[in-house]
Structures are given as C-alpha cells and as structure tokens.
Amino acid sequence: NQRELVATITSGGYTNYADSVKGRFTISRDNAKNTVYLQMN
C-alpha cells in the first residue's frame, strides 16, 4: 500500500484522524518534551 495519514495534531492541540481509526486511536502531544504519542486501542 501507499503511505497514508493516520492522525495529526497541532501545537495548539487540534487533532485530525483518518476515518479508519476514529474512536480507536488517540494522538496527543507534550510540547515540553517535544514528543507526540499515538495510543492505539
């Protein structure tokens, strides 16, 4: 398959998800740690 978007998050906390993962995945960001997370359930 080609590379596809899963989720994005801005520095202000706005998020966007692919339809296939909505309700199952959560993206979050810790700006102080310069780290982004993807919780996949």
PDB file of all heavy atoms in Angstrom:
ATOM      1  N   ASN A   1       0.821  -1.205   0.000  1.00  0.00           N
ATOM      2  CA  ASN A   1       0.000   0.000   0.000  1.00  0.00           C
ATOM      3  C   ASN A   1       0.859   1.261   0.000  1.00  0.00           C
ATOM      4  O   ASN A   1       2.035   1.240   0.330  1.00  0.00           O
ATOM      5  CB  ASN A   1      -0.921   0.023   1.213  1.00  0.00           C
ATOM      6  CG  ASN A   1      -1.912  -1.117   1.236  1.00  0.00           C
ATOM      7  OD1 ASN A   1      -2.377  -1.556   0.182  1.00  0.00           O
ATOM      8  ND2 ASN A   1      -2.242  -1.594   2.427  1.00  0.00           N
ATOM      9  N   GLN A   2       0.229   2.380  -0.353  1.00  0.00           N
ATOM     10  CA  GLN A   2       0.905   3.664  -0.267  1.00  0.00           C
ATOM     11  C   GLN A   2       0.844   4.190   1.161  1.00  0.00           C
ATOM     12  O   GLN A   2       0.015   3.752   1.968  1.00  0.00           O
ATOM     13  CB  GLN A   2       0.281   4.668  -1.233  1.00  0.00           C
ATOM     14  CG  GLN A   2      -1.147   5.053  -0.897  1.00  0.00           C
ATOM     15  CD  GLN A   2      -1.727   6.049  -1.888  1.00  0.00           C
ATOM     16  OE1 GLN A   2      -1.111   6.362  -2.908  1.00  0.00           O
ATOM     17  NE2 GLN A   2      -2.909   6.545  -1.593  1.00  0.00           N
ATOM     18  N   ARG A   3       1.715   5.132   1.473  1.00  0.00           N
ATOM     19  CA  ARG A   3       1.701   5.744   2.786  1.00  0.00           C
ATOM     20  C   ARG A   3       0.443   6.593   2.954  1.00  0.00           C
ATOM     21  O   ARG A   3       0.094   7.377   2.078  1.00  0.00           O
ATOM     22  CB  ARG A   3       2.953   6.593   2.986  1.00  0.00           C
ATOM     23  CG  ARG A   3       3.162   7.061   4.415  1.00  0.00           C
ATOM     24  CD  ARG A   3       4.510   7.758   4.581  1.00  0.00           C
ATOM     25  NE  ARG A   3       5.623   6.851   4.300  1.00  0.00           N
ATOM     26  CZ  ARG A   3       6.901   7.167   4.468  1.00  0.00           C
ATOM     27  NH1 ARG A   3       7.235   8.367   4.932  1.00  0.00           N
ATOM     28  NH2 ARG A   3       7.846   6.289   4.173  1.00  0.00           N
ATOM     29  N   GLU A   4      -0.238   6.448   4.095  1.00  0.00           N
ATOM     30  CA  GLU A   4      -1.475   7.164   4.344  1.00  0.00           C
ATOM     31  C   GLU A   4      -1.439   7.849   5.701  1.00  0.00           C
ATOM     32  O   GLU A   4      -0.790   7.382   6.637  1.00  0.00           O
ATOM     33  CB  GLU A   4      -2.679   6.218   4.282  1.00  0.00           C
ATOM     34  CG  GLU A   4      -2.689   5.157   5.368  1.00  0.00           C
ATOM     35  CD  GLU A   4      -3.915   4.267   5.321  1.00  0.00           C
ATOM     36  OE1 GLU A   4      -4.797   4.490   4.474  1.00  0.00           O
ATOM     37  OE2 GLU A   4      -3.993   3.325   6.149  1.00  0.00           O
ATOM     38  N   LEU A   5      -2.167   8.945   5.805  1.00  0.00           N
ATOM     39  CA  LEU A   5      -2.267   9.680   7.053  1.00  0.00           C
ATOM     40  C   LEU A   5      -3.093   8.896   8.060  1.00  0.00           C
ATOM     41  O   LEU A   5      -4.134   8.343   7.723  1.00  0.00           O
ATOM     42  CB  LEU A   5      -2.892  11.055   6.814  1.00  0.00           C
ATOM     43  CG  LEU A   5      -2.983  12.002   8.015  1.00  0.00           C
ATOM     44  CD1 LEU A   5      -2.806  13.437   7.564  1.00  0.00           C
ATOM     45  CD2 LEU A   5      -4.326  11.850   8.728  1.00  0.00           C
ATOM     46  N   VAL A   6      -2.620   8.858   9.306  1.00  0.00           N
ATOM     47  CA  VAL A   6      -3.348   8.232  10.403  1.00  0.00           C
ATOM     48  C   VAL A   6      -3.954   9.304  11.304  1.00  0.00           C
ATOM     49  O   VAL A   6      -5.158   9.292  11.581  1.00  0.00           O
ATOM     50  CB  VAL A   6      -2.444   7.306  11.226  1.00  0.00           C
ATOM     51  CG1 VAL A   6      -3.199   6.724  12.421  1.00  0.00           C
ATOM     52  CG2 VAL A   6      -1.886   6.187  10.348  1.00  0.00           C
ATOM     53  N   ALA A   7      -3.132  10.230  11.794  1.00  0.00           N
ATOM     54  CA  ALA A   7      -3.598  11.273  12.702  1.00  0.00           C
ATOM     55  C   ALA A   7      -2.594  12.408  12.726  1.00  0.00           C
ATOM     56  O   ALA A   7      -1.396  12.191  12.552  1.00  0.00           O
ATOM     57  CB  ALA A   7      -3.793  10.724  14.119  1.00  0.00           C
ATOM     58  N   THR A   8      -3.085  13.627  12.949  1.00  0.00           N
ATOM     59  CA  THR A   8      -2.222  14.791  13.111  1.00  0.00           C
ATOM     60  C   THR A   8      -2.673  15.600  14.315  1.00  0.00           C
ATOM     61  O   THR A   8      -3.830  15.514  14.747  1.00  0.00           O
ATOM     62  CB  THR A   8      -2.224  15.703  11.873  1.00  0.00           C
ATOM     63  OG1 THR A   8      -3.550  16.168  11.617  1.00  0.00           O
ATOM     64  CG2 THR A   8      -1.683  14.968  10.661  1.00  0.00           C
ATOM     65  N   ILE A   9      -1.761  16.407  14.835  1.00  0.00           N
ATOM     66  CA  ILE A   9      -2.060  17.295  15.950  1.00  0.00           C
ATOM     67  C   ILE A   9      -1.211  18.550  15.814  1.00  0.00           C
ATOM     68  O   ILE A   9      -0.031  18.487  15.489  1.00  0.00           O
ATOM     69  CB  ILE A   9      -1.828  16.594  17.313  1.00  0.00           C
ATOM     70  CG1 ILE A   9      -2.268  17.489  18.475  1.00  0.00           C
ATOM     71  CG2 ILE A   9      -0.378  16.150  17.458  1.00  0.00           C
ATOM     72  CD1 ILE A   9      -2.325  16.752  19.810  1.00  0.00           C
ATOM     73  N   THR A  10      -1.820  19.712  16.054  1.00  0.00           N
ATOM     74  CA  THR A  10      -1.092  20.971  16.014  1.00  0.00           C
ATOM     75  C   THR A  10      -0.546  21.293  17.392  1.00  0.00           C
ATOM     76  O   THR A  10      -0.898  20.669  18.394  1.00  0.00           O
ATOM     77  CB  THR A  10      -1.988  22.118  15.538  1.00  0.00           C
ATOM     78  OG1 THR A  10      -2.978  22.396  16.542  1.00  0.00           O
ATOM     79  CG2 THR A  10      -2.677  21.766  14.226  1.00  0.00           C
ATOM     80  N   SER A  11       0.321  22.310  17.451  1.00  0.00           N
ATOM     81  CA  SER A  11       0.863  22.731  18.738  1.00  0.00           C
ATOM     82  C   SER A  11      -0.228  23.253  19.663  1.00  0.00           C
ATOM     83  O   SER A  11      -0.051  23.239  20.884  1.00  0.00           O
ATOM     84  CB  SER A  11       1.936  23.802  18.538  1.00  0.00           C
ATOM     85  OG  SER A  11       1.407  24.936  17.877  1.00  0.00           O
ATOM     86  N   GLY A  12      -1.353  23.704  19.098  1.00  0.00           N
ATOM     87  CA  GLY A  12      -2.479  24.161  19.890  1.00  0.00           C
ATOM     88  C   GLY A  12      -3.427  23.058  20.323  1.00  0.00           C
ATOM     89  O   GLY A  12      -4.403  23.334  21.027  1.00  0.00           O
ATOM     90  N   GLY A  13      -3.164  21.814  19.885  1.00  0.00           N
ATOM     91  CA  GLY A  13      -3.956  20.687  20.334  1.00  0.00           C
ATOM     92  C   GLY A  13      -5.080  20.265  19.403  1.00  0.00           C
ATOM     93  O   GLY A  13      -5.855  19.369  19.755  1.00  0.00           O
ATOM     94  N   TYR A  14      -5.191  20.866  18.227  1.00  0.00           N
ATOM     95  CA  TYR A  14      -6.213  20.445  17.274  1.00  0.00           C
ATOM     96  C   TYR A  14      -5.815  19.133  16.626  1.00  0.00           C
ATOM     97  O   TYR A  14      -4.678  18.973  16.178  1.00  0.00           O
ATOM     98  CB  TYR A  14      -6.435  21.521  16.211  1.00  0.00           C
ATOM     99  CG  TYR A  14      -6.975  22.806  16.776  1.00  0.00           C
ATOM    100  CD1 TYR A  14      -6.131  23.880  17.012  1.00  0.00           C
ATOM    101  CD2 TYR A  14      -8.324  22.945  17.071  1.00  0.00           C
ATOM    102  CE1 TYR A  14      -6.625  25.064  17.538  1.00  0.00           C
ATOM    103  CE2 TYR A  14      -8.826  24.120  17.593  1.00  0.00           C
ATOM    104  CZ  TYR A  14      -7.973  25.178  17.826  1.00  0.00           C
ATOM    105  OH  TYR A  14      -8.467  26.354  18.348  1.00  0.00           O
ATOM    106  N   THR A  15      -6.744  18.194  16.555  1.00  0.00           N
ATOM    107  CA  THR A  15      -6.454  16.852  16.058  1.00  0.00           C
ATOM    108  C   THR A  15      -7.289  16.515  14.841  1.00  0.00           C
ATOM    109  O   THR A  15      -8.382  17.055  14.630  1.00  0.00           O
ATOM    110  CB  THR A  15      -6.708  15.794  17.139  1.00  0.00           C
ATOM    111  OG1 THR A  15      -8.072  15.859  17.566  1.00  0.00           O
ATOM    112  CG2 THR A  15      -5.793  16.026  18.332  1.00  0.00           C
ATOM    113  N   ASN A  16      -6.761  15.592  14.050  1.00  0.00           N
ATOM    114  CA  ASN A  16      -7.456  15.074  12.881  1.00  0.00           C
ATOM    115  C   ASN A  16      -7.106  13.601  12.735  1.00  0.00           C
ATOM    116  O   ASN A  16      -5.950  13.216  12.935  1.00  0.00           O
ATOM    117  CB  ASN A  16      -7.057  15.844  11.621  1.00  0.00           C
ATOM    118  CG  ASN A  16      -7.842  15.409  10.408  1.00  0.00           C
ATOM    119  OD1 ASN A  16      -9.060  15.470  10.402  1.00  0.00           O
ATOM    120  ND2 ASN A  16      -7.141  14.970   9.366  1.00  0.00           N
ATOM    121  N   TYR A  17      -8.114  12.782  12.388  1.00  0.00           N
ATOM    122  CA  TYR A  17      -7.925  11.345  12.286  1.00  0.00           C
ATOM    123  C   TYR A  17      -8.461  10.813  10.974  1.00  0.00           C
ATOM    124  O   TYR A  17      -9.468  11.298  10.448  1.00  0.00           O
ATOM    125  CB  TYR A  17      -8.659  10.612  13.408  1.00  0.00           C
ATOM    126  CG  TYR A  17      -8.174  10.925  14.799  1.00  0.00           C
ATOM    127  CD1 TYR A  17      -8.750  11.941  15.542  1.00  0.00           C
ATOM    128  CD2 TYR A  17      -7.138  10.188  15.373  1.00  0.00           C
ATOM    129  CE1 TYR A  17      -8.306  12.224  16.824  1.00  0.00           C
ATOM    130  CE2 TYR A  17      -6.695  10.463  16.651  1.00  0.00           C
ATOM    131  CZ  TYR A  17      -7.282  11.482  17.376  1.00  0.00           C
ATOM    132  OH  TYR A  17      -6.836  11.756  18.655  1.00  0.00           O
ATOM    133  N   ALA A  18      -7.805   9.777  10.468  1.00  0.00           N
ATOM    134  CA  ALA A  18      -8.370   9.020   9.376  1.00  0.00           C
ATOM    135  C   ALA A  18      -9.642   8.329   9.848  1.00  0.00           C
ATOM    136  O   ALA A  18      -9.750   7.906  11.004  1.00  0.00           O
ATOM    137  CB  ALA A  18      -7.367   7.979   8.869  1.00  0.00           C
ATOM    138  N   ASP A  19     -10.619   8.205   8.953  1.00  0.00           N
ATOM    139  CA  ASP A  19     -11.881   7.571   9.322  1.00  0.00           C
ATOM    140  C   ASP A  19     -11.675   6.151   9.854  1.00  0.00           C
ATOM    141  O   ASP A  19     -12.404   5.699  10.745  1.00  0.00           O
ATOM    142  CB  ASP A  19     -12.830   7.533   8.130  1.00  0.00           C
ATOM    143  CG  ASP A  19     -13.397   8.894   7.784  1.00  0.00           C
ATOM    144  OD1 ASP A  19     -13.350   9.802   8.633  1.00  0.00           O
ATOM    145  OD2 ASP A  19     -13.904   9.049   6.655  1.00  0.00           O
ATOM    146  N   SER A  20     -10.690   5.449   9.337  1.00  0.00           N
ATOM    147  CA  SER A  20     -10.472   4.063   9.711  1.00  0.00           C
ATOM    148  C   SER A  20     -10.008   3.877  11.154  1.00  0.00           C
ATOM    149  O   SER A  20     -10.096   2.770  11.682  1.00  0.00           O
ATOM    150  CB  SER A  20      -9.456   3.416   8.765  1.00  0.00           C
ATOM    151  OG  SER A  20      -8.216   4.102   8.811  1.00  0.00           O
ATOM    152  N   VAL A  21      -9.520   4.947  11.793  1.00  0.00           N
ATOM    153  CA  VAL A  21      -9.007   4.825  13.158  1.00  0.00           C
ATOM    154  C   VAL A  21      -9.786   5.649  14.168  1.00  0.00           C
ATOM    155  O   VAL A  21      -9.508   5.555  15.374  1.00  0.00           O
ATOM    156  CB  VAL A  21      -7.513   5.198  13.239  1.00  0.00           C
ATOM    157  CG1 VAL A  21      -6.702   4.399  12.224  1.00  0.00           C
ATOM    158  CG2 VAL A  21      -7.298   6.698  13.047  1.00  0.00           C
ATOM    159  N   LYS A  22     -10.757   6.425  13.734  1.00  0.00           N
ATOM    160  CA  LYS A  22     -11.538   7.243  14.654  1.00  0.00           C
ATOM    161  C   LYS A  22     -12.229   6.371  15.703  1.00  0.00           C
ATOM    162  O   LYS A  22     -12.809   5.339  15.382  1.00  0.00           O
ATOM    163  CB  LYS A  22     -12.579   8.065  13.896  1.00  0.00           C
ATOM    164  CG  LYS A  22     -12.005   9.229  13.116  1.00  0.00           C
ATOM    165  CD  LYS A  22     -13.100  10.008  12.403  1.00  0.00           C
ATOM    166  CE  LYS A  22     -12.518  11.181  11.636  1.00  0.00           C
ATOM    167  NZ  LYS A  22     -13.554  11.913  10.878  1.00  0.00           N
ATOM    168  N   GLY A  23     -12.151   6.803  16.947  1.00  0.00           N
ATOM    169  CA  GLY A  23     -12.744   6.061  18.041  1.00  0.00           C
ATOM    170  C   GLY A  23     -11.853   4.990  18.621  1.00  0.00           C
ATOM    171  O   GLY A  23     -12.165   4.446  19.683  1.00  0.00           O
ATOM    172  N   ARG A  24     -10.764   4.656  17.941  1.00  0.00           N
ATOM    173  CA  ARG A  24      -9.836   3.630  18.408  1.00  0.00           C
ATOM    174  C   ARG A  24      -8.459   4.188  18.751  1.00  0.00           C
ATOM    175  O   ARG A  24      -7.820   3.725  19.689  1.00  0.00           O
ATOM    176  CB  ARG A  24      -9.682   2.524  17.364  1.00  0.00           C
ATOM    177  CG  ARG A  24     -10.983   1.811  17.023  1.00  0.00           C
ATOM    178  CD  ARG A  24     -10.740   0.606  16.126  1.00  0.00           C
ATOM    179  NE  ARG A  24     -10.153   0.988  14.843  1.00  0.00           N
ATOM    180  CZ  ARG A  24      -8.959   0.578  14.412  1.00  0.00           C
ATOM    181  NH1 ARG A  24      -8.222  -0.236  15.156  1.00  0.00           N
ATOM    182  NH2 ARG A  24      -8.511   0.970  13.223  1.00  0.00           N
ATOM    183  N   PHE A  25      -7.991   5.165  17.970  1.00  0.00           N
ATOM    184  CA  PHE A  25      -6.666   5.750  18.164  1.00  0.00           C
ATOM    185  C   PHE A  25      -6.801   7.148  18.748  1.00  0.00           C
ATOM    186  O   PHE A  25      -7.756   7.878  18.438  1.00  0.00           O
ATOM    187  CB  PHE A  25      -5.911   5.859  16.842  1.00  0.00           C
ATOM    188  CG  PHE A  25      -5.489   4.557  16.218  1.00  0.00           C
ATOM    189  CD1 PHE A  25      -5.941   3.341  16.692  1.00  0.00           C
ATOM    190  CD2 PHE A  25      -4.618   4.569  15.139  1.00  0.00           C
ATOM    191  CE1 PHE A  25      -5.552   2.147  16.109  1.00  0.00           C
ATOM    192  CE2 PHE A  25      -4.216   3.385  14.544  1.00  0.00           C
ATOM    193  CZ  PHE A  25      -4.685   2.170  15.027  1.00  0.00           C
ATOM    194  N   THR A  26      -5.833   7.544  19.564  1.00  0.00           N
ATOM    195  CA  THR A  26      -5.780   8.882  20.119  1.00  0.00           C
ATOM    196  C   THR A  26      -4.376   9.442  19.966  1.00  0.00           C
ATOM    197  O   THR A  26      -3.409   8.823  20.411  1.00  0.00           O
ATOM    198  CB  THR A  26      -6.169   8.893  21.607  1.00  0.00           C
ATOM    199  OG1 THR A  26      -7.479   8.353  21.774  1.00  0.00           O
ATOM    200  CG2 THR A  26      -6.148  10.320  22.149  1.00  0.00           C
ATOM    201  N   ILE A  27      -4.270  10.612  19.333  1.00  0.00           N
ATOM    202  CA  ILE A  27      -2.990  11.285  19.216  1.00  0.00           C
ATOM    203  C   ILE A  27      -2.904  12.355  20.291  1.00  0.00           C
ATOM    204  O   ILE A  27      -3.890  13.032  20.600  1.00  0.00           O
ATOM    205  CB  ILE A  27      -2.791  11.889  17.807  1.00  0.00           C
ATOM    206  CG1 ILE A  27      -1.355  12.397  17.633  1.00  0.00           C
ATOM    207  CG2 ILE A  27      -3.804  12.979  17.508  1.00  0.00           C
ATOM    208  CD1 ILE A  27      -1.014  12.782  16.190  1.00  0.00           C
ATOM    209  N   SER A  28      -1.734  12.503  20.885  1.00  0.00           N
ATOM    210  CA  SER A  28      -1.510  13.525  21.897  1.00  0.00           C
ATOM    211  C   SER A  28      -0.094  14.058  21.751  1.00  0.00           C
ATOM    212  O   SER A  28       0.741  13.477  21.062  1.00  0.00           O
ATOM    213  CB  SER A  28      -1.758  12.986  23.309  1.00  0.00           C
ATOM    214  OG  SER A  28      -0.879  11.917  23.605  1.00  0.00           O
ATOM    215  N   ARG A  29       0.166  15.175  22.422  1.00  0.00           N
ATOM    216  CA  ARG A  29       1.439  15.862  22.248  1.00  0.00           C
ATOM    217  C   ARG A  29       1.864  16.506  23.551  1.00  0.00           C
ATOM    218  O   ARG A  29       1.056  17.138  24.226  1.00  0.00           O
ATOM    219  CB  ARG A  29       1.289  16.916  21.141  1.00  0.00           C
ATOM    220  CG  ARG A  29       2.508  17.723  20.814  1.00  0.00           C
ATOM    221  CD  ARG A  29       2.239  18.564  19.574  1.00  0.00           C
ATOM    222  NE  ARG A  29       3.370  19.398  19.215  1.00  0.00           N
ATOM    223  CZ  ARG A  29       3.478  20.080  18.087  1.00  0.00           C
ATOM    224  NH1 ARG A  29       2.508  20.020  17.179  1.00  0.00           N
ATOM    225  NH2 ARG A  29       4.547  20.818  17.854  1.00  0.00           N
ATOM    226  N   ASP A  30       3.124  16.350  23.896  1.00  0.00           N
ATOM    227  CA  ASP A  30       3.715  17.002  25.047  1.00  0.00           C
ATOM    228  C   ASP A  30       4.768  17.961  24.503  1.00  0.00           C
ATOM    229  O   ASP A  30       5.882  17.551  24.180  1.00  0.00           O
ATOM    230  CB  ASP A  30       4.332  15.986  26.004  1.00  0.00           C
ATOM    231  CG  ASP A  30       4.822  16.613  27.298  1.00  0.00           C
ATOM    232  OD1 ASP A  30       5.140  17.815  27.308  1.00  0.00           O
ATOM    233  OD2 ASP A  30       4.891  15.891  28.309  1.00  0.00           O
ATOM    234  N   ASN A  31       4.410  19.229  24.383  1.00  0.00           N
ATOM    235  CA  ASN A  31       5.314  20.200  23.778  1.00  0.00           C
ATOM    236  C   ASN A  31       6.590  20.397  24.598  1.00  0.00           C
ATOM    237  O   ASN A  31       7.662  20.634  24.036  1.00  0.00           O
ATOM    238  CB  ASN A  31       4.599  21.539  23.584  1.00  0.00           C
ATOM    239  CG  ASN A  31       3.539  21.480  22.506  1.00  0.00           C
ATOM    240  OD1 ASN A  31       3.686  20.767  21.516  1.00  0.00           O
ATOM    241  ND2 ASN A  31       2.465  22.235  22.688  1.00  0.00           N
ATOM    242  N   ALA A  32       6.488  20.312  25.922  1.00  0.00           N
ATOM    243  CA  ALA A  32       7.661  20.477  26.772  1.00  0.00           C
ATOM    244  C   ALA A  32       8.683  19.376  26.532  1.00  0.00           C
ATOM    245  O   ALA A  32       9.890  19.601  26.660  1.00  0.00           O
ATOM    246  CB  ALA A  32       7.256  20.521  28.239  1.00  0.00           C
ATOM    247  N   LYS A  33       8.203  18.171  26.198  1.00  0.00           N
ATOM    248  CA  LYS A  33       9.084  17.042  25.935  1.00  0.00           C
ATOM    249  C   LYS A  33       9.366  16.847  24.450  1.00  0.00           C
ATOM    250  O   LYS A  33      10.092  15.922  24.089  1.00  0.00           O
ATOM    251  CB  LYS A  33       8.483  15.760  26.505  1.00  0.00           C
ATOM    252  CG  LYS A  33       8.337  15.758  28.021  1.00  0.00           C
ATOM    253  CD  LYS A  33       7.755  14.443  28.510  1.00  0.00           C
ATOM    254  CE  LYS A  33       7.621  14.425  30.020  1.00  0.00           C
ATOM    255  NZ  LYS A  33       7.024  13.146  30.504  1.00  0.00           N
ATOM    256  N   ASN A  34       8.772  17.691  23.612  1.00  0.00           N
ATOM    257  CA  ASN A  34       8.924  17.573  22.159  1.00  0.00           C
ATOM    258  C   ASN A  34       8.559  16.173  21.677  1.00  0.00           C
ATOM    259  O   ASN A  34       9.244  15.592  20.836  1.00  0.00           O
ATOM    260  CB  ASN A  34      10.346  17.933  21.731  1.00  0.00           C
ATOM    261  CG  ASN A  34      10.740  19.325  22.139  1.00  0.00           C
ATOM    262  OD1 ASN A  34       9.977  20.276  21.935  1.00  0.00           O
ATOM    263  ND2 ASN A  34      11.926  19.473  22.713  1.00  0.00           N
ATOM    264  N   THR A  35       7.468  15.651  22.211  1.00  0.00           N
ATOM    265  CA  THR A  35       7.073  14.279  21.954  1.00  0.00           C
ATOM    266  C   THR A  35       5.608  14.205  21.540  1.00  0.00           C
ATOM    267  O   THR A  35       4.762  14.902  22.105  1.00  0.00           O
ATOM    268  CB  THR A  35       7.301  13.406  23.195  1.00  0.00           C
ATOM    269  OG1 THR A  35       8.690  13.421  23.534  1.00  0.00           O
ATOM    270  CG2 THR A  35       6.878  11.970  22.945  1.00  0.00           C
ATOM    271  N   VAL A  36       5.330  13.352  20.560  1.00  0.00           N
ATOM    272  CA  VAL A  36       3.969  13.064  20.152  1.00  0.00           C
ATOM    273  C   VAL A  36       3.722  11.579  20.366  1.00  0.00           C
ATOM    274  O   VAL A  36       4.620  10.750  20.187  1.00  0.00           O
ATOM    275  CB  VAL A  36       3.714  13.481  18.686  1.00  0.00           C
ATOM    276  CG1 VAL A  36       4.579  12.687  17.716  1.00  0.00           C
ATOM    277  CG2 VAL A  36       2.239  13.346  18.336  1.00  0.00           C
ATOM    278  N   TYR A  37       2.498  11.243  20.764  1.00  0.00           N
ATOM    279  CA  TYR A  37       2.125   9.869  21.070  1.00  0.00           C
ATOM    280  C   TYR A  37       0.963   9.433  20.196  1.00  0.00           C
ATOM    281  O   TYR A  37       0.153  10.241  19.748  1.00  0.00           O
ATOM    282  CB  TYR A  37       1.708   9.724  22.532  1.00  0.00           C
ATOM    283  CG  TYR A  37       2.726  10.206  23.530  1.00  0.00           C
ATOM    284  CD1 TYR A  37       2.694  11.507  24.009  1.00  0.00           C
ATOM    285  CD2 TYR A  37       3.725   9.353  24.001  1.00  0.00           C
ATOM    286  CE1 TYR A  37       3.628  11.956  24.927  1.00  0.00           C
ATOM    287  CE2 TYR A  37       4.659   9.794  24.921  1.00  0.00           C
ATOM    288  CZ  TYR A  37       4.604  11.093  25.379  1.00  0.00           C
ATOM    289  OH  TYR A  37       5.537  11.528  26.298  1.00  0.00           O
ATOM    290  N   LEU A  38       0.867   8.139  19.978  1.00  0.00           N
ATOM    291  CA  LEU A  38      -0.293   7.554  19.334  1.00  0.00           C
ATOM    292  C   LEU A  38      -0.729   6.350  20.154  1.00  0.00           C
ATOM    293  O   LEU A  38      -0.048   5.320  20.155  1.00  0.00           O
ATOM    294  CB  LEU A  38       0.010   7.133  17.896  1.00  0.00           C
ATOM    295  CG  LEU A  38      -1.188   6.624  17.098  1.00  0.00           C
ATOM    296  CD1 LEU A  38      -2.174   7.767  16.827  1.00  0.00           C
ATOM    297  CD2 LEU A  38      -0.746   5.990  15.784  1.00  0.00           C
ATOM    298  N   GLN A  39      -1.835   6.501  20.884  1.00  0.00           N
ATOM    299  CA  GLN A  39      -2.421   5.400  21.633  1.00  0.00           C
ATOM    300  C   GLN A  39      -3.351   4.639  20.703  1.00  0.00           C
ATOM    301  O   GLN A  39      -4.305   5.216  20.179  1.00  0.00           O
ATOM    302  CB  GLN A  39      -3.188   5.915  22.846  1.00  0.00           C
ATOM    303  CG  GLN A  39      -3.862   4.833  23.671  1.00  0.00           C
ATOM    304  CD  GLN A  39      -2.883   3.910  24.350  1.00  0.00           C
ATOM    305  OE1 GLN A  39      -1.915   4.365  24.949  1.00  0.00           O
ATOM    306  NE2 GLN A  39      -3.115   2.607  24.246  1.00  0.00           N
ATOM    307  N   MET A  40      -3.090   3.361  20.505  1.00  0.00           N
ATOM    308  CA  MET A  40      -3.841   2.534  19.577  1.00  0.00           C
ATOM    309  C   MET A  40      -4.556   1.445  20.364  1.00  0.00           C
ATOM    310  O   MET A  40      -3.912   0.580  20.958  1.00  0.00           O
ATOM    311  CB  MET A  40      -2.925   1.926  18.517  1.00  0.00           C
ATOM    312  CG  MET A  40      -2.113   2.953  17.744  1.00  0.00           C
ATOM    313  SD  MET A  40      -1.130   2.217  16.410  1.00  0.00           S
ATOM    314  CE  MET A  40       0.035   1.266  17.390  1.00  0.00           C
ATOM    315  N   ASN A  41      -5.875   1.494  20.370  1.00  0.00           N
ATOM    316  CA  ASN A  41      -6.702   0.506  21.048  1.00  0.00           C
ATOM    317  C   ASN A  41      -7.540  -0.263  20.036  1.00  0.00           C
ATOM    318  O   ASN A  41      -7.721   0.169  18.901  1.00  0.00           O
ATOM    319  CB  ASN A  41      -7.624   1.187  22.066  1.00  0.00           C
ATOM    320  CG  ASN A  41      -6.883   1.903  23.161  1.00  0.00           C
ATOM    321  OD1 ASN A  41      -5.820   1.469  23.603  1.00  0.00           O
ATOM    322  ND2 ASN A  41      -7.448   3.012  23.626  1.00  0.00           N
TER     323      ASN A  41
END
